[in-house]
Amino acid sequence: MDFDTAIDIAEKQEALLQFLHFSRKDVWDLGNVIVSEIFDKKYVLATSIRLINGLIAFQYIPEGTNLNNNFYLTRKFNLVRDKENSSLLTTLRWQKKDEGLAYQGLSPAEYVLCGGGFPIVVKGTGIVAVALVSGLPHLQDHDILVETISRYLGVSGVPRIPLDAGL
């Protein structure tokens, strides 16, 4: 799959997966949908939902994950918060232009280019939180978020980037 096609899909995902509201109850409910997926698929995967101000409102760090996963959650959060797109969409856009963190003036200690961070956008308000996962290949990290947020919102037909897309 080429970058333009993948970018188009990631943009459509973000346009389709927007919330009407996002309360702390929604944080809990969405977090539990993500954790249920982790259990069902037997993934070793850390997850977090962080409000845009950085407050960790939900987090699950299972056996088999470690502090490195937590660092990735934070670095993915920083990228989504600052660029206001999924970490995968930003990564694809920059890879297409052969630009990395250094080109953008960003430190790899604070940011990472990979999938696994998805903006929680409330229609008419903007980005209010970020859903995050860490522990699988980055396209799969992104896809789990798309799948679980789609399920939570009851949105069907959301296009997906194939896990073997080679990106």
Protein backbone atom coordinates (compact mmCIF):
# COMPACT_ATOMS: atom_id res chain seq x y z
CA MET A 1 0.00 0.00 0.00
CA ASP A 2 1.34 3.46 -0.81
CA PHE A 3 1.48 6.39 1.60
CA ASP A 4 -1.29 8.38 -0.12
CA THR A 5 -3.79 5.52 0.20
CA ALA A 6 -2.89 4.85 3.84
CA ILE A 7 -3.06 8.57 4.67
CA ASP A 8 -6.48 8.80 3.04
CA ILE A 9 -7.74 5.84 5.13
CA ALA A 10 -6.32 7.27 8.38
CA GLU A 11 -7.96 10.64 7.65
CA LYS A 12 -11.32 8.93 7.02
CA GLN A 13 -10.98 6.99 10.27
CA GLU A 14 -10.52 10.21 12.23
CA ALA A 15 -13.45 11.88 10.47
CA LEU A 16 -15.77 8.95 11.20
CA LEU A 17 -14.70 8.21 14.76
CA GLN A 18 -15.81 11.34 16.60
CA PHE A 19 -17.78 11.51 19.82
CA LEU A 20 -20.87 13.52 20.76
CA HIS A 21 -19.55 13.74 24.36
CA PHE A 22 -16.68 12.29 26.36
CA SER A 23 -17.19 12.19 30.12
CA ARG A 24 -15.18 10.31 32.73
CA LYS A 25 -17.83 7.57 32.45
CA ASP A 26 -17.04 7.39 28.72
CA VAL A 27 -13.35 7.11 29.61
CA TRP A 28 -14.12 4.14 31.86
CA ASP A 29 -16.43 2.47 29.34
CA LEU A 30 -14.07 2.90 26.36
CA GLY A 31 -11.11 1.79 28.46
CA ASN A 32 -12.96 -1.37 29.37
CA VAL A 33 -13.81 -2.07 25.71
CA ILE A 34 -10.10 -1.81 24.91
CA VAL A 35 -9.12 -4.04 27.85
CA SER A 36 -11.78 -6.60 26.85
CA GLU A 37 -10.21 -6.74 23.39
CA ILE A 38 -6.79 -7.26 25.00
CA PHE A 39 -8.20 -10.17 27.05
CA ASP A 40 -10.17 -11.68 24.16
CA LYS A 41 -7.19 -11.68 21.81
CA LYS A 42 -4.69 -12.56 24.57
CA TYR A 43 -2.54 -9.57 23.68
CA VAL A 44 0.28 -8.35 25.89
CA LEU A 45 -0.66 -4.73 25.46
CA ALA A 46 -0.62 -1.65 27.69
CA THR A 47 -3.41 0.87 27.27
CA SER A 48 -4.15 4.35 28.52
CA ILE A 49 -6.66 7.12 27.99
CA ARG A 50 -5.23 10.52 28.78
CA LEU A 51 -7.10 13.78 28.84
CA ILE A 52 -5.62 16.45 26.60
CA ASN A 53 -4.14 18.19 29.67
CA GLY A 54 -2.09 15.03 30.33
CA LEU A 55 -4.16 13.56 33.18
CA ILE A 56 -4.16 9.76 32.99
CA ALA A 57 -7.87 8.99 33.36
CA PHE A 58 -7.58 5.25 32.58
CA GLN A 59 -4.64 2.90 32.36
CA TYR A 60 -4.09 -0.85 32.25
CA ILE A 61 -0.57 -2.26 32.31
CA PRO A 62 -0.81 -6.09 32.28
CA GLU A 63 1.78 -8.70 33.10
CA GLY A 64 4.27 -8.96 30.28
CA THR A 65 4.39 -5.21 29.70
CA ASN A 66 6.90 -2.96 31.40
CA LEU A 67 8.11 0.58 31.93
CA ASN A 68 9.17 0.79 28.28
CA ASN A 69 5.51 0.38 27.23
CA ASN A 70 4.60 3.23 29.56
CA PHE A 71 7.29 5.42 27.96
CA TYR A 72 5.83 4.63 24.52
CA LEU A 73 2.34 5.56 25.73
CA THR A 74 3.68 8.93 26.87
CA ARG A 75 5.64 9.58 23.66
CA LYS A 76 2.61 8.65 21.51
CA PHE A 77 0.40 10.88 23.66
CA ASN A 78 2.76 13.82 23.15
CA LEU A 79 2.65 13.40 19.36
CA VAL A 80 -1.16 13.19 19.20
CA ARG A 81 -1.60 16.10 21.63
CA ASP A 82 0.76 18.36 19.70
CA LYS A 83 -0.21 17.40 16.12
CA GLU A 84 -3.94 16.75 16.81
CA ASN A 85 -4.02 13.64 14.63
CA SER A 86 -3.49 9.97 15.29
CA SER A 87 0.13 9.06 15.80
CA LEU A 88 -0.12 6.84 12.71
CA LEU A 89 -1.47 9.63 10.49
CA THR A 90 1.32 11.99 11.56
CA THR A 91 3.88 9.21 11.07
CA LEU A 92 2.63 8.42 7.55
CA ARG A 93 2.58 12.07 6.51
CA TRP A 94 6.13 12.61 7.71
CA GLN A 95 7.45 9.35 6.27
CA LYS A 96 5.96 10.25 2.89
CA LYS A 97 8.02 13.47 2.95
CA ASP A 98 11.03 11.62 4.43
CA GLU A 99 10.87 13.78 7.53
CA GLY A 100 11.53 12.50 11.02
CA LEU A 101 11.42 13.85 14.54
CA ALA A 102 14.73 15.71 14.17
CA TYR A 103 13.46 17.49 11.06
CA GLN A 104 10.46 18.66 13.09
CA GLY A 105 12.69 19.72 15.99
CA LEU A 106 11.26 17.06 18.30
CA SER A 107 13.19 14.89 20.74
CA PRO A 108 12.90 11.10 20.46
CA ALA A 109 12.94 11.05 24.27
CA GLU A 110 9.56 12.83 24.22
CA TYR A 111 7.97 11.77 20.89
CA VAL A 112 7.79 8.64 18.76
CA LEU A 113 6.70 8.05 15.16
CA CYS A 114 4.44 5.00 15.16
CA GLY A 115 0.81 3.99 15.44
CA GLY A 116 -0.98 3.47 18.72
CA GLY A 117 -2.32 6.90 19.66
CA PHE A 118 -5.78 8.03 18.53
CA PRO A 119 -7.39 11.41 19.23
CA ILE A 120 -10.71 11.50 21.05
CA VAL A 121 -12.52 14.32 19.26
CA VAL A 122 -15.86 15.66 20.46
CA LYS A 123 -17.84 17.13 17.56
CA GLY A 124 -17.99 20.90 17.86
CA THR A 125 -15.35 20.94 20.60
CA GLY A 126 -12.17 19.34 19.26
CA ILE A 127 -9.67 16.93 20.74
CA VAL A 128 -10.34 16.27 24.43
CA ALA A 129 -8.35 13.09 25.08
CA VAL A 130 -6.11 10.47 23.52
CA ALA A 131 -6.62 6.69 23.49
CA LEU A 132 -3.33 4.79 23.48
CA VAL A 133 -1.95 1.27 23.24
CA SER A 134 1.60 -0.08 23.23
CA GLY A 135 3.02 -3.53 22.74
CA LEU A 136 2.32 -4.78 19.21
CA PRO A 137 3.61 -3.75 15.76
CA HIS A 138 2.52 -0.17 15.18
CA LEU A 139 -0.10 -0.84 12.48
CA GLN A 140 -1.71 -3.39 14.77
CA ASP A 141 -1.60 -0.95 17.71
CA HIS A 142 -3.45 1.59 15.55
CA ASP A 143 -5.92 -0.97 14.24
CA ILE A 144 -6.91 -2.10 17.73
CA LEU A 145 -7.84 1.47 18.57
CA VAL A 146 -9.84 1.89 15.36
CA GLU A 147 -11.62 -1.41 15.99
CA THR A 148 -12.48 -0.71 19.64
CA ILE A 149 -13.47 2.94 19.16
CA SER A 150 -15.67 1.92 16.19
CA ARG A 151 -17.34 -0.71 18.36
CA TYR A 152 -17.79 1.72 21.26
CA LEU A 153 -19.36 4.38 19.03
CA GLY A 154 -21.42 1.87 17.05
CA VAL A 155 -19.88 3.03 13.77
CA SER A 156 -19.62 0.35 11.11
CA GLY A 157 -17.85 0.38 7.78
CA VAL A 158 -14.79 2.28 8.99
CA PRO A 159 -11.99 1.65 6.47
CA ARG A 160 -8.94 -0.15 7.80
CA ILE A 161 -5.29 -0.15 6.82
CA PRO A 162 -4.19 -3.76 6.19
CA LEU A 163 -1.77 -5.01 8.85
CA ASP A 164 0.53 -6.26 6.07
CA ALA A 165 0.58 -2.86 4.30
CA GLY A 166 4.35 -2.63 4.73
CA LEU A 167 4.28 0.83 6.26
